[in-house]
């Protein structure tokens, strides 16, 4: 059991490490569905590969579409208005394109389910190591850009690096799973940060508290899915959404 669950646990640690950082910033910027839209664009690239290239070149095709989506969002945030409407339509464009393409592909529905929420119990250790190294490089790039860039340059690095991150995450966990682990732990951490007891535990380290929340939910979800033979990806999405919604009702206004 431990040998089977360990890669999924390590993947949770790696994914939450970088997505907690992105999640806190995306929620505070008020562009919640950015991850979902870019992730769906990456899925559109994968669907294109499945349909026309027999599953070859999945990653570069997904990355190209995700980068295009990230660039579009960065441009609309700088020049346009009604940002959430644009991001929502980008998501609708991506998911409808996936349905259209996979309706022509062999095993289309199976491919669609994997793109939405993949069963991370079957993740290989070498994939976890590869994505961990990639996220380490992205972290260095983000740290450098925070120190040396400002304005549109920093925004461009943020969204393009986010597109690369989401593309890799979607390949391993699926669009909905990535969205859940990005938004839910960050929302819980931001909400509970107003409670004195929570601040005594984590101080001002909201990203660390989001990582801790996400890791706890992921660990329980993976064990439950394994024990009850449930689809792991959707179990993760369900658990994260449930925890975040319940915590949102905890009153903090008088604190």
Protein backbone atom coordinates (compact mmCIF):
# COMPACT_ATOMS: atom_id res chain seq x y z
CA UNK A 1 0.00 0.00 0.00
CA UNK A 2 2.69 2.47 1.01
CA UNK A 3 4.69 1.75 -2.13
CA UNK A 4 1.63 2.52 -4.28
CA UNK A 5 0.56 5.65 -2.40
CA UNK A 6 4.04 7.19 -2.07
CA UNK A 7 4.33 8.59 -5.64
CA UNK A 8 0.84 10.15 -5.30
CA UNK A 9 1.84 11.69 -1.96
CA UNK A 10 5.10 13.07 -3.39
CA UNK A 11 3.22 14.47 -6.38
CA UNK A 12 0.85 16.23 -3.97
CA UNK A 13 3.81 17.82 -2.20
CA UNK A 14 5.31 19.01 -5.49
CA UNK A 15 2.08 20.31 -7.01
CA UNK A 16 0.98 22.11 -3.86
CA UNK A 17 4.39 23.71 -3.40
CA UNK A 18 4.09 25.90 -6.50
CA UNK A 19 0.30 26.02 -6.88
CA UNK A 20 -0.14 27.39 -3.35
CA UNK A 21 2.03 30.35 -4.34
CA UNK A 22 0.10 30.94 -7.55
CA UNK A 23 -3.26 30.33 -5.86
CA UNK A 24 -2.81 33.01 -3.20
CA UNK A 25 -1.82 35.60 -5.81
CA UNK A 26 -4.58 34.69 -8.25
CA UNK A 27 -7.29 34.91 -5.56
CA UNK A 28 -5.97 38.26 -4.35
CA UNK A 29 -5.96 39.56 -7.93
CA UNK A 30 -9.54 38.45 -8.39
CA UNK A 31 -8.88 36.35 -11.50
CA UNK A 32 -10.02 33.05 -10.06
CA UNK A 33 -10.71 31.17 -13.28
CA UNK A 34 -7.33 31.90 -14.85
CA UNK A 35 -6.05 28.45 -13.93
CA UNK A 36 -9.16 26.74 -15.25
CA UNK A 37 -8.99 28.64 -18.55
CA UNK A 38 -5.27 28.04 -19.14
CA UNK A 39 -5.59 24.43 -18.04
CA UNK A 40 -8.43 23.93 -20.48
CA UNK A 41 -6.34 25.45 -23.27
CA UNK A 42 -3.61 22.94 -22.43
CA UNK A 43 -6.24 20.19 -22.59
CA UNK A 44 -7.32 21.52 -26.00
CA UNK A 45 -3.76 21.10 -27.24
CA UNK A 46 -3.70 17.55 -25.87
CA UNK A 47 -7.02 16.77 -27.55
CA UNK A 48 -5.61 18.06 -30.83
CA UNK A 49 -2.68 15.69 -30.44
CA UNK A 50 -4.93 12.72 -29.62
CA UNK A 51 -7.17 13.40 -32.62
CA UNK A 52 -4.72 14.28 -35.38
CA UNK A 53 -1.30 13.07 -34.22
CA UNK A 54 -2.17 9.71 -32.59
CA UNK A 55 -1.13 11.04 -29.19
CA UNK A 56 2.33 12.16 -30.29
CA UNK A 57 3.74 15.56 -29.24
CA UNK A 58 1.14 15.94 -26.48
CA UNK A 59 3.32 18.10 -24.24
CA UNK A 60 4.59 20.63 -26.81
CA UNK A 61 1.11 20.97 -28.33
CA UNK A 62 -0.46 21.47 -24.89
CA UNK A 63 2.25 23.93 -23.92
CA UNK A 64 1.75 25.98 -27.09
CA UNK A 65 -1.99 26.34 -26.43
CA UNK A 66 -1.44 27.09 -22.73
CA UNK A 67 1.14 29.77 -23.54
CA UNK A 68 -1.28 31.28 -26.03
CA UNK A 69 -3.96 31.36 -23.34
CA UNK A 70 -1.58 32.86 -20.77
CA UNK A 71 -0.46 35.53 -23.22
CA UNK A 72 -4.07 36.39 -24.08
CA UNK A 73 -4.98 36.80 -20.40
CA UNK A 74 -1.90 38.91 -19.70
CA UNK A 75 -2.83 41.21 -22.62
CA UNK A 76 -6.50 41.54 -21.65
CA UNK A 77 -5.58 42.37 -18.04
CA UNK A 78 -3.35 45.16 -19.28
CA UNK A 79 -5.50 46.63 -22.05
CA UNK A 80 -9.08 45.53 -21.62
CA UNK A 81 -11.94 45.41 -19.16
CA UNK A 82 -14.40 42.76 -17.97
CA UNK A 83 -11.49 40.40 -17.39
CA UNK A 84 -13.48 37.58 -15.80
CA UNK A 85 -15.89 37.50 -18.75
CA UNK A 86 -12.97 37.08 -21.16
CA UNK A 87 -11.36 34.39 -19.00
CA UNK A 88 -14.67 32.54 -18.72
CA UNK A 89 -15.13 32.61 -22.48
CA UNK A 90 -11.58 31.35 -22.95
CA UNK A 91 -12.46 28.39 -20.75
CA UNK A 92 -15.69 27.80 -22.71
CA UNK A 93 -13.72 27.94 -25.96
CA UNK A 94 -11.22 25.39 -24.65
CA UNK A 95 -13.69 22.86 -23.26
CA UNK A 96 -15.99 23.03 -26.28
CA UNK A 97 -12.97 22.51 -28.54
CA UNK A 98 -11.96 19.47 -26.49
CA UNK A 99 -15.43 17.95 -26.85
CA UNK A 100 -15.46 18.61 -30.60
CA UNK A 101 -12.03 17.09 -31.18
CA UNK A 102 -12.43 14.07 -28.91
CA UNK A 103 -15.78 13.24 -30.47
CA UNK A 104 -13.69 12.24 -33.50
CA UNK A 105 -10.96 10.41 -31.56
CA UNK A 106 -10.84 6.73 -30.58
CA UNK A 107 -11.55 6.35 -26.85
CA UNK A 108 -12.52 10.03 -26.79
CA UNK A 109 -14.55 9.92 -23.57
CA UNK A 110 -11.79 8.07 -21.71
CA UNK A 111 -9.27 10.67 -22.90
CA UNK A 112 -11.63 13.47 -21.80
CA UNK A 113 -12.01 12.02 -18.31
CA UNK A 114 -8.24 11.77 -17.94
CA UNK A 115 -7.82 15.37 -19.08
CA UNK A 116 -10.33 16.53 -16.46
CA UNK A 117 -9.09 14.52 -13.47
CA UNK A 118 -6.35 11.94 -13.86
CA UNK A 119 -5.85 9.06 -11.42
CA UNK A 120 -2.62 10.18 -9.73
CA UNK A 121 -2.24 6.80 -8.01
CA UNK A 122 -0.62 5.61 -11.22
CA UNK A 123 1.95 8.42 -11.36
CA UNK A 124 5.51 7.16 -11.78
CA UNK A 125 8.26 8.38 -9.46
CA UNK A 126 10.42 9.55 -12.38
CA UNK A 127 7.55 11.82 -13.53
CA UNK A 128 7.37 13.35 -10.06
CA UNK A 129 11.13 14.01 -10.07
CA UNK A 130 10.98 15.55 -13.55
CA UNK A 131 8.16 17.93 -12.70
CA UNK A 132 9.79 18.82 -9.37
CA UNK A 133 12.95 19.92 -11.19
CA UNK A 134 10.86 21.92 -13.67
CA UNK A 135 8.99 23.70 -10.88
CA UNK A 136 12.27 24.44 -9.15
CA UNK A 137 13.48 26.26 -12.27
CA UNK A 138 10.14 28.11 -12.53
CA UNK A 139 10.46 29.12 -8.89
CA UNK A 140 13.90 30.60 -9.53
CA UNK A 141 12.54 32.50 -12.55
CA UNK A 142 9.64 33.87 -10.50
CA UNK A 143 11.91 34.91 -7.64
CA UNK A 144 14.24 36.70 -10.05
CA UNK A 145 11.38 38.45 -11.87
CA UNK A 146 9.90 39.64 -8.54
CA UNK A 147 13.23 41.24 -7.69
CA UNK A 148 14.27 42.67 -11.06
CA UNK A 149 11.11 43.26 -13.12
CA UNK A 150 8.04 45.43 -12.72
CA UNK A 151 4.88 46.31 -14.60
CA UNK A 152 4.10 44.50 -17.83
CA UNK A 153 7.39 42.57 -17.79
CA UNK A 154 6.61 40.98 -14.44
CA UNK A 155 3.03 40.25 -15.52
CA UNK A 156 4.22 38.55 -18.69
CA UNK A 157 6.66 36.33 -16.77
CA UNK A 158 3.93 35.51 -14.24
CA UNK A 159 1.38 34.33 -16.79
CA UNK A 160 3.79 32.56 -19.14
CA UNK A 161 5.44 30.69 -16.26
CA UNK A 162 1.97 29.90 -14.96
CA UNK A 163 1.07 28.45 -18.37
CA UNK A 164 4.15 26.19 -18.27
CA UNK A 165 3.29 25.10 -14.71
CA UNK A 166 -0.34 24.35 -15.52
CA UNK A 167 0.58 22.41 -18.67
CA UNK A 168 2.83 20.09 -16.70
CA UNK A 169 0.30 19.74 -13.89
CA UNK A 170 -2.59 18.97 -16.22
CA UNK A 171 -0.55 16.18 -17.83
CA UNK A 172 -0.20 14.54 -14.41
CA UNK A 173 -3.41 15.42 -12.57
CA UNK A 174 -6.05 16.85 -14.95
CA UNK A 175 -7.69 20.26 -15.37
CA UNK A 176 -10.21 20.05 -12.51
CA UNK A 177 -7.70 18.57 -10.07
CA UNK A 178 -5.20 21.34 -10.79
CA UNK A 179 -7.91 23.98 -10.39
CA UNK A 180 -9.00 22.49 -7.05
CA UNK A 181 -5.52 22.29 -5.53
CA UNK A 182 -4.71 25.80 -6.75
CA UNK A 183 -7.82 27.61 -5.52
CA UNK A 184 -9.21 25.66 -2.55
CA UNK A 185 -6.17 25.55 -0.19
CA UNK A 186 -5.35 29.21 -0.96
CA UNK A 187 -8.95 30.25 -0.26
CA UNK A 188 -8.95 28.36 3.06
CA UNK A 189 -5.62 29.89 4.08
CA UNK A 190 -6.65 33.46 3.15
CA UNK A 191 -9.97 33.10 4.96
CA UNK A 192 -8.52 31.58 8.14
CA UNK A 193 -5.62 34.07 8.17
CA UNK A 194 -8.00 36.49 9.89
CA UNK A 195 -8.31 34.19 12.92
CA UNK A 196 -5.82 34.84 15.77
CA UNK A 197 -5.30 31.12 16.45
CA UNK A 198 -4.45 30.49 12.79
CA UNK A 199 -2.02 33.42 12.76
CA UNK A 200 -0.30 32.14 15.88
CA UNK A 201 0.20 28.84 14.11
CA UNK A 202 1.42 30.13 10.74
CA UNK A 203 2.18 33.85 11.25
CA UNK A 204 1.91 35.79 7.99
CA UNK A 205 3.00 32.81 5.89
CA UNK A 206 -0.24 32.36 3.94
CA UNK A 207 1.42 30.31 1.20
CA UNK A 208 2.83 27.87 3.78
CA UNK A 209 -0.57 27.50 5.44
CA UNK A 210 -2.20 26.91 2.03
CA UNK A 211 0.40 24.21 1.34
CA UNK A 212 -0.29 22.59 4.73
CA UNK A 213 -4.07 22.61 4.18
CA UNK A 214 -3.72 21.20 0.67
CA UNK A 215 -1.34 18.47 1.79
CA UNK A 216 -3.70 17.36 4.55
CA UNK A 217 -6.72 17.23 2.20
CA UNK A 218 -4.71 15.46 -0.51
CA UNK A 219 -3.37 12.82 1.88
CA UNK A 220 -6.82 11.97 3.26
CA UNK A 221 -8.38 12.01 -0.22
CA UNK A 222 -5.78 9.66 -1.71
CA UNK A 223 -6.16 7.21 1.18
CA UNK A 224 -9.96 7.30 0.94
CA UNK A 225 -9.93 6.80 -2.83
CA UNK A 226 -7.53 3.88 -2.48
CA UNK A 227 -9.50 2.23 0.36
CA UNK A 228 -12.94 2.66 -1.25
CA UNK A 229 -11.72 2.17 -4.84
CA UNK A 230 -12.91 5.63 -5.94
CA UNK A 231 -11.50 7.70 -8.84
CA UNK A 232 -8.62 9.56 -7.21
CA UNK A 233 -8.74 12.75 -9.27
CA UNK A 234 -12.44 13.39 -8.69
CA UNK A 235 -12.11 12.46 -5.02
CA UNK A 236 -9.45 15.15 -4.67
CA UNK A 237 -11.63 17.73 -6.41
CA UNK A 238 -14.67 16.83 -4.28
CA UNK A 239 -12.73 16.96 -1.00
CA UNK A 240 -10.96 20.26 -1.74
CA UNK A 241 -14.18 21.92 -2.87
CA UNK A 242 -16.07 20.63 0.18
CA UNK A 243 -13.43 21.77 2.68
CA UNK A 244 -13.12 25.23 1.09
CA UNK A 245 -16.89 25.76 1.01
CA UNK A 246 -17.33 24.67 4.63
CA UNK A 247 -14.46 26.87 5.85
CA UNK A 248 -15.92 29.84 3.95
CA UNK A 249 -18.86 29.81 6.38
CA UNK A 250 -16.60 30.24 9.44
CA UNK A 251 -17.23 33.82 10.69
CA UNK A 252 -14.15 36.03 10.89
CA UNK A 253 -15.70 39.50 10.63
CA UNK A 254 -15.51 40.23 14.36
CA UNK A 255 -11.87 39.19 14.66
